[in-house]
Amino acid sequence: MSLGEFDLIAKYFTRPVRRAALGIGDDCALLAPGPGMQLAVSSDMLVEGRHFLSTVAPDRLGHKALAVNLSDLAACGARPLAFTLALALPRADEVLLEGFARGLFALAEAHGIELVGGDTTQGPLNICITVMGEVPAGGALLRSGARAGDDLYVSGTVGDARLALEVFRGNAALDARAFAAVREAMERPQPRVALGVALRGLATSAIDVSDGLLGDLGHILRRSGVAARIEVDAVPRSAVLAAQPAALQRECTLAGGDDYELVFTAPPAVADRVQAAAREAGTAVTRIGRIEAGQGLRLVDREGCDVAQTFGSFDHFRS
């Protein structure tokens, strides 16, 4: 006997809530942020063939669906509270559902966030999650706070997800171990929630890297009314990516996307505190440049020579 809509929800997605005032089973979930806190809300949609390949393991798909949303909370400096799930399925595939729910809830439990509602329907595979978090009033990290003189940082390493995609496309070749590592980065990104929280009061602006380092940094520059200088050879990359041709390295690190690391700015005076916050959060951060007065973005190599700005970023309607 096939699963019906409400059987599916009850079997795979109903869990008791501990932090929400009311979760799944009513017309609305109820949340009660702490006194003096603001609610941070963000939604992301994943569409098969656009955001993920049909070959992805269900547990990795569940992980990534939530991870990309948690990354938005991280970029705001918000602590996760709850999320909703809207899920379109071609059919009630229990193998897919079991793996998806397992990956989804493993990450949810790791970050103390709980599923409180949503919707299911039949259709092409499509996942939309809305996350909610809390941040002290006036304490959110925004894109609009960068100032001339600030240092520019990125967390972790960037570019592996794009390298994995190039392997899938047949444009790059890796041995099995190296491919497994970059595929892991593409399919199981780690949202930098602890780092985002630790940077409150230190970072002047932040954004997560979803569409490419340069493209996402561009949002900060426009909202803050500033320019930036990036030392392209200082952008952190994995050993696997560092073994690739220089042109491919730059394409992956600067325009790759799907990394879900944090790009942020902070005054030089708090550099030691930034590194201490990174250590506390268990995520390395690397200074990759400086915010300047004016407009635009300048790329330089390790000798300080200009690098041609030929790198784009992902756009759903142009890519």
C-alpha atoms as a PDB file:
ATOM      1  CA  MET A   1       0.000   0.000   0.000  1.00  0.00           C
ATOM      2  CA  SER A   2       1.474   3.352  -1.042  1.00  0.00           C
ATOM      3  CA  LEU A   3       1.938   6.192   1.411  1.00  0.00           C
ATOM      4  CA  GLY A   4      -0.575   9.016   1.447  1.00  0.00           C
ATOM      5  CA  GLU A   5       0.442  12.625   2.068  1.00  0.00           C
ATOM      6  CA  PHE A   6      -0.320  12.639   5.789  1.00  0.00           C
ATOM      7  CA  ASP A   7       1.070   9.131   6.331  1.00  0.00           C
ATOM      8  CA  LEU A   8       4.296  10.315   4.694  1.00  0.00           C
ATOM      9  CA  ILE A   9       4.511  13.307   7.019  1.00  0.00           C
ATOM     10  CA  ALA A  10       3.728  11.250  10.098  1.00  0.00           C
ATOM     11  CA  LYS A  11       6.261   8.528   9.265  1.00  0.00           C
ATOM     12  CA  TYR A  12       9.237  10.607   8.143  1.00  0.00           C
ATOM     13  CA  PHE A  13       8.881  14.181   9.358  1.00  0.00           C
ATOM     14  CA  THR A  14       6.864  14.339  12.609  1.00  0.00           C
ATOM     15  CA  ARG A  15       8.977  14.755  15.714  1.00  0.00           C
ATOM     16  CA  PRO A  16       8.246  16.296  19.121  1.00  0.00           C
ATOM     17  CA  VAL A  17       9.360  19.915  19.414  1.00  0.00           C
ATOM     18  CA  ARG A  18      11.389  21.149  22.363  1.00  0.00           C
ATOM     19  CA  ARG A  19      11.965  24.825  21.584  1.00  0.00           C
ATOM     20  CA  ALA A  20       8.946  25.854  19.526  1.00  0.00           C
ATOM     21  CA  ALA A  21       5.684  26.598  21.303  1.00  0.00           C
ATOM     22  CA  LEU A  22       3.809  24.547  18.677  1.00  0.00           C
ATOM     23  CA  GLY A  23       5.098  22.430  15.820  1.00  0.00           C
ATOM     24  CA  ILE A  24       3.672  20.136  13.141  1.00  0.00           C
ATOM     25  CA  GLY A  25      -0.045  19.315  13.158  1.00  0.00           C
ATOM     26  CA  ASP A  26      -1.795  22.672  13.190  1.00  0.00           C
ATOM     27  CA  ASP A  27      -2.302  25.488  10.672  1.00  0.00           C
ATOM     28  CA  CYS A  28       0.691  27.465  11.949  1.00  0.00           C
ATOM     29  CA  ALA A  29       3.769  26.800  14.019  1.00  0.00           C
ATOM     30  CA  LEU A  30       4.329  29.061  17.000  1.00  0.00           C
ATOM     31  CA  LEU A  31       7.743  30.424  17.959  1.00  0.00           C
ATOM     32  CA  ALA A  32       8.713  32.546  20.935  1.00  0.00           C
ATOM     33  CA  PRO A  33      12.166  34.183  20.572  1.00  0.00           C
ATOM     34  CA  GLY A  34      13.836  35.181  23.801  1.00  0.00           C
ATOM     35  CA  PRO A  35      13.401  38.683  25.266  1.00  0.00           C
ATOM     36  CA  GLY A  36      15.394  41.302  23.359  1.00  0.00           C
ATOM     37  CA  MET A  37      15.831  38.994  20.382  1.00  0.00           C
ATOM     38  CA  GLN A  38      14.857  39.402  16.733  1.00  0.00           C
ATOM     39  CA  LEU A  39      13.632  36.617  14.450  1.00  0.00           C
ATOM     40  CA  ALA A  40      15.842  35.955  11.398  1.00  0.00           C
ATOM     41  CA  VAL A  41      14.008  34.192   8.539  1.00  0.00           C
ATOM     42  CA  SER A  42      15.314  32.919   5.189  1.00  0.00           C
ATOM     43  CA  SER A  43      14.124  30.546   2.442  1.00  0.00           C
ATOM     44  CA  ASP A  44      16.048  28.546  -0.158  1.00  0.00           C
ATOM     45  CA  MET A  45      14.755  26.218  -2.841  1.00  0.00           C
ATOM     46  CA  LEU A  46      16.600  23.254  -4.378  1.00  0.00           C
ATOM     47  CA  VAL A  47      15.410  22.012  -7.767  1.00  0.00           C
ATOM     48  CA  GLU A  48      16.579  18.703  -9.268  1.00  0.00           C
ATOM     49  CA  GLY A  49      18.805  19.279 -12.284  1.00  0.00           C
ATOM     50  CA  ARG A  50      19.460  22.874 -11.244  1.00  0.00           C
ATOM     51  CA  HIS A  51      20.823  22.687  -7.707  1.00  0.00           C
ATOM     52  CA  PHE A  52      21.606  18.987  -7.390  1.00  0.00           C
ATOM     53  CA  LEU A  53      22.224  15.990  -9.637  1.00  0.00           C
ATOM     54  CA  SER A  54      19.878  13.010  -9.788  1.00  0.00           C
ATOM     55  CA  THR A  55      22.809  10.828  -8.661  1.00  0.00           C
ATOM     56  CA  VAL A  56      23.120  12.448  -5.230  1.00  0.00           C
ATOM     57  CA  ALA A  57      22.554  10.098  -2.281  1.00  0.00           C
ATOM     58  CA  PRO A  58      19.250  10.870  -0.474  1.00  0.00           C
ATOM     59  CA  ASP A  59      20.937  11.458   2.899  1.00  0.00           C
ATOM     60  CA  ARG A  60      23.308  13.982   1.321  1.00  0.00           C
ATOM     61  CA  LEU A  61      20.367  15.709  -0.352  1.00  0.00           C
ATOM     62  CA  GLY A  62      18.608  16.032   3.015  1.00  0.00           C
ATOM     63  CA  HIS A  63      21.793  17.413   4.564  1.00  0.00           C
ATOM     64  CA  LYS A  64      22.400  19.958   1.833  1.00  0.00           C
ATOM     65  CA  ALA A  65      18.783  21.131   1.688  1.00  0.00           C
ATOM     66  CA  LEU A  66      19.042  22.271   5.301  1.00  0.00           C
ATOM     67  CA  ALA A  67      22.712  23.283   5.168  1.00  0.00           C
ATOM     68  CA  VAL A  68      22.217  25.959   2.517  1.00  0.00           C
ATOM     69  CA  ASN A  69      19.520  27.525   4.669  1.00  0.00           C
ATOM     70  CA  LEU A  70      21.522  27.319   7.884  1.00  0.00           C
ATOM     71  CA  SER A  71      24.289  29.098   5.988  1.00  0.00           C
ATOM     72  CA  ASP A  72      22.000  32.104   5.584  1.00  0.00           C
ATOM     73  CA  LEU A  73      21.466  32.213   9.346  1.00  0.00           C
ATOM     74  CA  ALA A  74      25.235  31.960   9.802  1.00  0.00           C
ATOM     75  CA  ALA A  75      25.785  34.959   7.529  1.00  0.00           C
ATOM     76  CA  CYS A  76      23.372  36.941   9.702  1.00  0.00           C
ATOM     77  CA  GLY A  77      24.943  35.810  12.971  1.00  0.00           C
ATOM     78  CA  ALA A  78      21.699  34.146  14.031  1.00  0.00           C
ATOM     79  CA  ARG A  79      21.274  31.087  16.213  1.00  0.00           C
ATOM     80  CA  PRO A  80      18.965  28.476  14.586  1.00  0.00           C
ATOM     81  CA  LEU A  81      15.530  27.845  16.083  1.00  0.00           C
ATOM     82  CA  ALA A  82      13.184  26.116  13.641  1.00  0.00           C
ATOM     83  CA  PHE A  83      12.485  25.365   9.990  1.00  0.00           C
ATOM     84  CA  THR A  84       9.662  24.411   7.659  1.00  0.00           C
ATOM     85  CA  LEU A  85       9.894  22.011   4.711  1.00  0.00           C
ATOM     86  CA  ALA A  86       7.930  22.220   1.456  1.00  0.00           C
ATOM     87  CA  LEU A  87       8.547  19.079  -0.567  1.00  0.00           C
ATOM     88  CA  ALA A  88       7.372  18.109  -4.060  1.00  0.00           C
ATOM     89  CA  LEU A  89       7.910  14.431  -4.943  1.00  0.00           C
ATOM     90  CA  PRO A  90       7.286  12.582  -8.209  1.00  0.00           C
ATOM     91  CA  ARG A  91       6.051   9.680  -6.035  1.00  0.00           C
ATOM     92  CA  ALA A  92       6.206   8.572  -2.405  1.00  0.00           C
ATOM     93  CA  ASP A  93       9.577   6.834  -2.718  1.00  0.00           C
ATOM     94  CA  GLU A  94      10.348   5.413   0.722  1.00  0.00           C
ATOM     95  CA  VAL A  95      14.025   4.766  -0.044  1.00  0.00           C
ATOM     96  CA  LEU A  96      14.436   8.439  -0.969  1.00  0.00           C
ATOM     97  CA  LEU A  97      12.371   9.607   1.982  1.00  0.00           C
ATOM     98  CA  GLU A  98      14.201   7.495   4.559  1.00  0.00           C
ATOM     99  CA  GLY A  99      17.626   8.680   3.440  1.00  0.00           C
ATOM    100  CA  PHE A 100      16.520  12.276   2.962  1.00  0.00           C
ATOM    101  CA  ALA A 101      14.951  12.459   6.426  1.00  0.00           C
ATOM    102  CA  ARG A 102      18.013  10.843   8.007  1.00  0.00           C
ATOM    103  CA  GLY A 103      20.413  13.380   6.494  1.00  0.00           C
ATOM    104  CA  LEU A 104      18.053  16.266   7.208  1.00  0.00           C
ATOM    105  CA  PHE A 105      17.544  15.467  10.876  1.00  0.00           C
ATOM    106  CA  ALA A 106      21.177  14.572  11.556  1.00  0.00           C
ATOM    107  CA  LEU A 107      22.174  18.110  10.587  1.00  0.00           C
ATOM    108  CA  ALA A 108      19.138  19.600  12.350  1.00  0.00           C
ATOM    109  CA  GLU A 109      20.076  17.917  15.615  1.00  0.00           C
ATOM    110  CA  ALA A 110      23.697  19.008  15.270  1.00  0.00           C
ATOM    111  CA  HIS A 111      22.535  22.633  15.152  1.00  0.00           C
ATOM    112  CA  GLY A 112      19.623  22.431  17.581  1.00  0.00           C
ATOM    113  CA  ILE A 113      16.993  23.362  14.992  1.00  0.00           C
ATOM    114  CA  GLU A 114      13.635  21.585  14.669  1.00  0.00           C
ATOM    115  CA  LEU A 115      11.104  21.011  11.904  1.00  0.00           C
ATOM    116  CA  VAL A 116       7.826  22.746  12.784  1.00  0.00           C
ATOM    117  CA  GLY A 117       5.694  22.502   9.628  1.00  0.00           C
ATOM    118  CA  GLY A 118       5.546  22.729   5.861  1.00  0.00           C
ATOM    119  CA  ASP A 119       3.786  21.174   2.878  1.00  0.00           C
ATOM    120  CA  THR A 120       4.041  18.127   0.613  1.00  0.00           C
ATOM    121  CA  THR A 121       2.712  17.612  -2.896  1.00  0.00           C
ATOM    122  CA  GLN A 122       3.273  15.527  -6.005  1.00  0.00           C
ATOM    123  CA  GLY A 123       5.425  16.967  -8.792  1.00  0.00           C
ATOM    124  CA  PRO A 124       9.030  17.244 -10.015  1.00  0.00           C
ATOM    125  CA  LEU A 125      11.490  16.835  -7.141  1.00  0.00           C
ATOM    126  CA  ASN A 126      11.714  20.235  -5.468  1.00  0.00           C
ATOM    127  CA  ILE A 127      12.713  21.125  -1.907  1.00  0.00           C
ATOM    128  CA  CYS A 128      12.036  24.467  -0.233  1.00  0.00           C
ATOM    129  CA  ILE A 129      13.099  25.107   3.345  1.00  0.00           C
ATOM    130  CA  THR A 130      12.443  28.207   5.415  1.00  0.00           C
ATOM    131  CA  VAL A 131      14.678  28.663   8.444  1.00  0.00           C
ATOM    132  CA  MET A 132      14.118  30.802  11.497  1.00  0.00           C
ATOM    133  CA  GLY A 133      16.740  31.895  13.969  1.00  0.00           C
ATOM    134  CA  GLU A 134      17.214  34.476  16.675  1.00  0.00           C
ATOM    135  CA  VAL A 135      19.735  37.271  17.008  1.00  0.00           C
ATOM    136  CA  PRO A 136      20.006  40.034  19.644  1.00  0.00           C
ATOM    137  CA  ALA A 137      18.187  43.196  18.616  1.00  0.00           C
ATOM    138  CA  GLY A 138      20.619  45.329  16.633  1.00  0.00           C
ATOM    139  CA  GLY A 139      23.222  42.548  16.590  1.00  0.00           C
ATOM    140  CA  ALA A 140      22.633  40.965  13.181  1.00  0.00           C
ATOM    141  CA  LEU A 141      25.474  40.820  10.663  1.00  0.00           C
ATOM    142  CA  LEU A 142      24.372  42.654   7.513  1.00  0.00           C
ATOM    143  CA  ARG A 143      25.751  43.249   4.031  1.00  0.00           C
ATOM    144  CA  SER A 144      25.701  47.012   4.498  1.00  0.00           C
ATOM    145  CA  GLY A 145      28.298  47.596   7.228  1.00  0.00           C
ATOM    146  CA  ALA A 146      31.662  47.296   5.439  1.00  0.00           C
ATOM    147  CA  ARG A 147      33.878  50.378   5.747  1.00  0.00           C
ATOM    148  CA  ALA A 148      37.054  51.510   3.971  1.00  0.00           C
ATOM    149  CA  GLY A 149      40.059  50.111   5.818  1.00  0.00           C
ATOM    150  CA  ASP A 150      38.319  46.919   6.944  1.00  0.00           C
ATOM    151  CA  ASP A 151      40.100  43.627   6.408  1.00  0.00           C
ATOM    152  CA  LEU A 152      38.356  41.111   4.150  1.00  0.00           C
ATOM    153  CA  TYR A 153      38.155  37.467   5.235  1.00  0.00           C
ATOM    154  CA  VAL A 154      36.780  34.137   4.052  1.00  0.00           C
ATOM    155  CA  SER A 155      36.228  31.030   6.154  1.00  0.00           C
ATOM    156  CA  GLY A 156      37.414  27.521   5.392  1.00  0.00           C
ATOM    157  CA  THR A 157      38.419  26.821   1.801  1.00  0.00           C
ATOM    158  CA  VAL A 158      36.552  27.598  -1.394  1.00  0.00           C
ATOM    159  CA  GLY A 159      36.410  26.088  -4.858  1.00  0.00           C
ATOM    160  CA  ASP A 160      36.063  22.355  -4.223  1.00  0.00           C
ATOM    161  CA  ALA A 161      32.360  22.227  -5.087  1.00  0.00           C
ATOM    162  CA  ARG A 162      33.057  23.839  -8.452  1.00  0.00           C
ATOM    163  CA  LEU A 163      35.927  21.428  -9.080  1.00  0.00           C
ATOM    164  CA  ALA A 164      33.590  18.493  -8.414  1.00  0.00           C
ATOM    165  CA  LEU A 165      31.117  19.953 -10.905  1.00  0.00           C
ATOM    166  CA  GLU A 166      33.857  20.261 -13.525  1.00  0.00           C
ATOM    167  CA  VAL A 167      34.671  16.575 -13.020  1.00  0.00           C
ATOM    168  CA  PHE A 168      31.005  15.689 -13.534  1.00  0.00           C
ATOM    169  CA  ARG A 169      31.040  17.824 -16.681  1.00  0.00           C
ATOM    170  CA  GLY A 170      34.111  16.024 -17.977  1.00  0.00           C
ATOM    171  CA  ASN A 171      36.286  19.146 -17.864  1.00  0.00           C
ATOM    172  CA  ALA A 172      38.647  17.895 -15.133  1.00  0.00           C
ATOM    173  CA  ALA A 173      39.951  14.514 -13.993  1.00  0.00           C
ATOM    174  CA  LEU A 174      40.735  13.378 -10.437  1.00  0.00           C
ATOM    175  CA  ASP A 175      41.629  10.073  -8.861  1.00  0.00           C
ATOM    176  CA  ALA A 176      38.955   8.355  -6.771  1.00  0.00           C
ATOM    177  CA  ARG A 177      40.128   9.707  -3.404  1.00  0.00           C
ATOM    178  CA  ALA A 178      40.431  13.312  -4.587  1.00  0.00           C
ATOM    179  CA  PHE A 179      37.063  13.172  -6.334  1.00  0.00           C
ATOM    180  CA  ALA A 180      35.407  11.782  -3.198  1.00  0.00           C
ATOM    181  CA  ALA A 181      36.781  14.737  -1.211  1.00  0.00           C
ATOM    182  CA  VAL A 182      35.537  17.446  -3.565  1.00  0.00           C
ATOM    183  CA  ARG A 183      32.226  15.673  -4.084  1.00  0.00           C
ATOM    184  CA  GLU A 184      31.787  15.661  -0.315  1.00  0.00           C
ATOM    185  CA  ALA A 185      32.285  19.436  -0.343  1.00  0.00           C
ATOM    186  CA  MET A 186      29.658  19.846  -3.050  1.00  0.00           C
ATOM    187  CA  GLU A 187      27.054  17.516  -1.584  1.00  0.00           C
ATOM    188  CA  ARG A 188      27.589  17.974   2.178  1.00  0.00           C
ATOM    189  CA  PRO A 189      28.578  21.610   2.808  1.00  0.00           C
ATOM    190  CA  GLN A 190      29.069  22.579   6.451  1.00  0.00           C
ATOM    191  CA  PRO A 191      27.196  25.753   7.440  1.00  0.00           C
ATOM    192  CA  ARG A 192      29.341  28.081   9.560  1.00  0.00           C
ATOM    193  CA  VAL A 193      26.719  28.815  12.192  1.00  0.00           C
ATOM    194  CA  ALA A 194      29.090  28.858  15.175  1.00  0.00           C
ATOM    195  CA  LEU A 195      31.414  31.234  13.341  1.00  0.00           C
ATOM    196  CA  GLY A 196      28.582  33.598  12.421  1.00  0.00           C
ATOM    197  CA  VAL A 197      27.477  33.789  16.050  1.00  0.00           C
ATOM    198  CA  ALA A 198      31.079  34.276  17.239  1.00  0.00           C
ATOM    199  CA  LEU A 199      31.568  37.175  14.799  1.00  0.00           C
ATOM    200  CA  ARG A 200      28.719  39.256  16.215  1.00  0.00           C
ATOM    201  CA  GLY A 201      30.186  42.513  17.455  1.00  0.00           C
ATOM    202  CA  LEU A 202      33.396  41.963  15.450  1.00  0.00           C
ATOM    203  CA  ALA A 203      32.448  41.673  11.782  1.00  0.00           C
ATOM    204  CA  THR A 204      31.093  44.784  10.090  1.00  0.00           C
ATOM    205  CA  SER A 205      29.423  42.853   7.248  1.00  0.00           C
ATOM    206  CA  ALA A 206      28.976  39.259   6.112  1.00  0.00           C
ATOM    207  CA  ILE A 207      27.482  37.062   3.398  1.00  0.00           C
ATOM    208  CA  ASP A 208      27.689  33.358   2.579  1.00  0.00           C
ATOM    209  CA  VAL A 209      29.324  32.091  -0.611  1.00  0.00           C
ATOM    210  CA  SER A 210      26.571  30.443  -2.633  1.00  0.00           C
ATOM    211  CA  ASP A 211      26.988  31.949  -6.108  1.00  0.00           C
ATOM    212  CA  GLY A 212      30.752  32.551  -6.130  1.00  0.00           C
ATOM    213  CA  LEU A 213      33.186  34.526  -3.977  1.00  0.00           C
ATOM    214  CA  LEU A 214      33.379  37.577  -6.249  1.00  0.00           C
ATOM    215  CA  GLY A 215      29.683  37.683  -7.014  1.00  0.00           C
ATOM    216  CA  ASP A 216      28.632  37.393  -3.385  1.00  0.00           C
ATOM    217  CA  LEU A 217      31.248  39.892  -2.231  1.00  0.00           C
ATOM    218  CA  GLY A 218      29.801  42.241  -4.841  1.00  0.00           C
ATOM    219  CA  HIS A 219      26.552  42.334  -2.848  1.00  0.00           C
ATOM    220  CA  ILE A 220      28.467  43.601   0.195  1.00  0.00           C
ATOM    221  CA  LEU A 221      30.285  46.229  -1.858  1.00  0.00           C
ATOM    222  CA  ARG A 222      27.084  47.557  -3.396  1.00  0.00           C
ATOM    223  CA  ARG A 223      25.121  47.608  -0.159  1.00  0.00           C
ATOM    224  CA  SER A 224      28.018  49.206   1.743  1.00  0.00           C
ATOM    225  CA  GLY A 225      29.015  51.669  -0.978  1.00  0.00           C
ATOM    226  CA  VAL A 226      32.680  50.622  -0.965  1.00  0.00           C
ATOM    227  CA  ALA A 227      35.337  48.962  -3.134  1.00  0.00           C
ATOM    228  CA  ALA A 228      37.666  46.039  -2.419  1.00  0.00           C
ATOM    229  CA  ARG A 229      41.088  44.684  -3.283  1.00  0.00           C
ATOM    230  CA  ILE A 230      41.459  40.884  -3.269  1.00  0.00           C
ATOM    231  CA  GLU A 231      44.765  39.042  -3.196  1.00  0.00           C
ATOM    232  CA  VAL A 232      43.682  36.132  -5.411  1.00  0.00           C
ATOM    233  CA  ASP A 233      46.582  33.857  -4.454  1.00  0.00           C
ATOM    234  CA  ALA A 234      45.710  34.260  -0.764  1.00  0.00           C
ATOM    235  CA  VAL A 235      42.204  32.817  -1.210  1.00  0.00           C
ATOM    236  CA  PRO A 236      42.303  29.498   0.706  1.00  0.00           C
ATOM    237  CA  ARG A 237      41.889  26.273  -1.267  1.00  0.00           C
ATOM    238  CA  SER A 238      42.230  22.578  -0.574  1.00  0.00           C
ATOM    239  CA  ALA A 239      45.292  20.540  -1.488  1.00  0.00           C
ATOM    240  CA  VAL A 240      43.225  18.814  -4.172  1.00  0.00           C
ATOM    241  CA  LEU A 241      42.348  22.112  -5.855  1.00  0.00           C
ATOM    242  CA  ALA A 242      45.878  23.498  -5.353  1.00  0.00           C
ATOM    243  CA  ALA A 243      47.182  20.650  -7.534  1.00  0.00           C
ATOM    244  CA  GLN A 244      45.106  21.823 -10.515  1.00  0.00           C
ATOM    245  CA  PRO A 245      46.203  24.270 -13.249  1.00  0.00           C
ATOM    246  CA  ALA A 246      46.367  27.887 -12.047  1.00  0.00           C
ATOM    247  CA  ALA A 247      43.583  29.054 -14.366  1.00  0.00           C
ATOM    248  CA  LEU A 248      41.206  26.379 -13.058  1.00  0.00           C
ATOM    249  CA  GLN A 249      42.150  27.188  -9.459  1.00  0.00           C
ATOM    250  CA  ARG A 250      41.211  30.835  -9.938  1.00  0.00           C
ATOM    251  CA  GLU A 251      37.976  29.990 -11.728  1.00  0.00           C
ATOM    252  CA  CYS A 252      36.938  27.643  -8.925  1.00  0.00           C
ATOM    253  CA  THR A 253      37.959  29.846  -5.989  1.00  0.00           C
ATOM    254  CA  LEU A 254      36.723  33.163  -7.343  1.00  0.00           C
ATOM    255  CA  ALA A 255      33.605  32.175  -9.273  1.00  0.00           C
ATOM    256  CA  GLY A 256      32.813  28.612  -8.223  1.00  0.00           C
ATOM    257  CA  GLY A 257      29.950  28.970  -5.773  1.00  0.00           C
ATOM    258  CA  ASP A 258      28.182  26.291  -3.721  1.00  0.00           C
ATOM    259  CA  ASP A 259      30.838  26.617  -0.993  1.00  0.00           C
ATOM    260  CA  TYR A 260      28.663  28.034   1.821  1.00  0.00           C
ATOM    261  CA  GLU A 261      31.642  29.590   3.542  1.00  0.00           C
ATOM    262  CA  LEU A 262      31.370  33.088   5.055  1.00  0.00           C
ATOM    263  CA  VAL A 263      32.898  36.191   3.491  1.00  0.00           C
ATOM    264  CA  PHE A 264      33.093  38.999   6.022  1.00  0.00           C
ATOM    265  CA  THR A 265      34.798  42.266   6.888  1.00  0.00           C
ATOM    266  CA  ALA A 266      36.245  43.524  10.156  1.00  0.00           C
ATOM    267  CA  PRO A 267      38.486  46.408  11.286  1.00  0.00           C
ATOM    268  CA  PRO A 268      42.235  45.616  11.528  1.00  0.00           C
ATOM    269  CA  ALA A 269      42.089  46.552  15.218  1.00  0.00           C
ATOM    270  CA  VAL A 270      40.080  43.408  15.990  1.00  0.00           C
ATOM    271  CA  ALA A 271      42.183  40.993  13.899  1.00  0.00           C
ATOM    272  CA  ASP A 272      43.345  39.039  16.946  1.00  0.00           C
ATOM    273  CA  ARG A 273      39.783  38.776  18.234  1.00  0.00           C
ATOM    274  CA  VAL A 274      38.586  37.572  14.821  1.00  0.00           C
ATOM    275  CA  GLN A 275      41.147  34.766  14.897  1.00  0.00           C
ATOM    276  CA  ALA A 276      40.167  33.909  18.476  1.00  0.00           C
ATOM    277  CA  ALA A 277      36.498  33.759  17.432  1.00  0.00           C
ATOM    278  CA  ALA A 278      37.438  31.482  14.534  1.00  0.00           C
ATOM    279  CA  ARG A 279      39.333  29.147  16.847  1.00  0.00           C
ATOM    280  CA  GLU A 280      36.383  29.084  19.249  1.00  0.00           C
ATOM    281  CA  ALA A 281      34.070  28.191  16.358  1.00  0.00           C
ATOM    282  CA  GLY A 282      36.436  25.529  15.041  1.00  0.00           C
ATOM    283  CA  THR A 283      36.650  27.121  11.586  1.00  0.00           C
ATOM    284  CA  ALA A 284      39.767  28.700  10.103  1.00  0.00           C
ATOM    285  CA  VAL A 285      39.459  32.159   8.548  1.00  0.00           C
ATOM    286  CA  THR A 286      41.889  33.763   6.113  1.00  0.00           C
ATOM    287  CA  ARG A 287      42.464  37.424   5.354  1.00  0.00           C
ATOM    288  CA  ILE A 288      42.214  37.769   1.556  1.00  0.00           C
ATOM    289  CA  GLY A 289      42.162  41.514   1.024  1.00  0.00           C
ATOM    290  CA  ARG A 290      40.982  44.930   2.125  1.00  0.00           C
ATOM    291  CA  ILE A 291      37.980  47.177   1.757  1.00  0.00           C
ATOM    292  CA  GLU A 292      38.730  50.508   0.070  1.00  0.00           C
ATOM    293  CA  ALA A 293      36.911  53.746  -0.613  1.00  0.00           C
ATOM    294  CA  GLY A 294      35.198  54.106  -3.973  1.00  0.00           C
ATOM    295  CA  GLN A 295      33.537  51.514  -6.174  1.00  0.00           C
ATOM    296  CA  GLY A 296      34.543  48.296  -7.858  1.00  0.00           C
ATOM    297  CA  LEU A 297      36.765  45.317  -7.222  1.00  0.00           C
ATOM    298  CA  ARG A 298      40.507  45.025  -7.891  1.00  0.00           C
ATOM    299  CA  LEU A 299      42.200  41.632  -8.136  1.00  0.00           C
ATOM    300  CA  VAL A 300      45.962  41.316  -7.587  1.00  0.00           C
ATOM    301  CA  ASP A 301      48.382  38.384  -7.543  1.00  0.00           C
ATOM    302  CA  ARG A 302      51.033  37.646  -4.914  1.00  0.00           C
ATOM    303  CA  GLU A 303      53.385  40.180  -6.530  1.00  0.00           C
ATOM    304  CA  GLY A 304      50.727  42.881  -6.384  1.00  0.00           C
ATOM    305  CA  CYS A 305      50.140  42.870 -10.150  1.00  0.00           C
ATOM    306  CA  ASP A 306      46.621  43.308 -11.438  1.00  0.00           C
ATOM    307  CA  VAL A 307      44.706  40.188 -12.492  1.00  0.00           C
ATOM    308  CA  ALA A 308      42.157  40.563 -15.278  1.00  0.00           C
ATOM    309  CA  GLN A 309      38.590  40.573 -13.979  1.00  0.00           C
ATOM    310  CA  THR A 310      37.129  37.834 -16.174  1.00  0.00           C
ATOM    311  CA  PHE A 311      35.291  35.895 -13.502  1.00  0.00           C
ATOM    312  CA  GLY A 312      31.522  35.820 -13.274  1.00  0.00           C
ATOM    313  CA  SER A 313      29.115  34.392 -10.720  1.00  0.00           C
ATOM    314  CA  PHE A 314      26.150  32.083 -10.914  1.00  0.00           C
ATOM    315  CA  ASP A 315      22.829  33.560 -12.044  1.00  0.00           C
ATOM    316  CA  HIS A 316      19.778  31.317 -12.306  1.00  0.00           C
ATOM    317  CA  PHE A 317      18.568  33.022 -15.461  1.00  0.00           C
ATOM    318  CA  ARG A 318      21.937  33.555 -17.148  1.00  0.00           C
ATOM    319  CA  SER A 319      23.807  30.349 -16.319  1.00  0.00           C
END
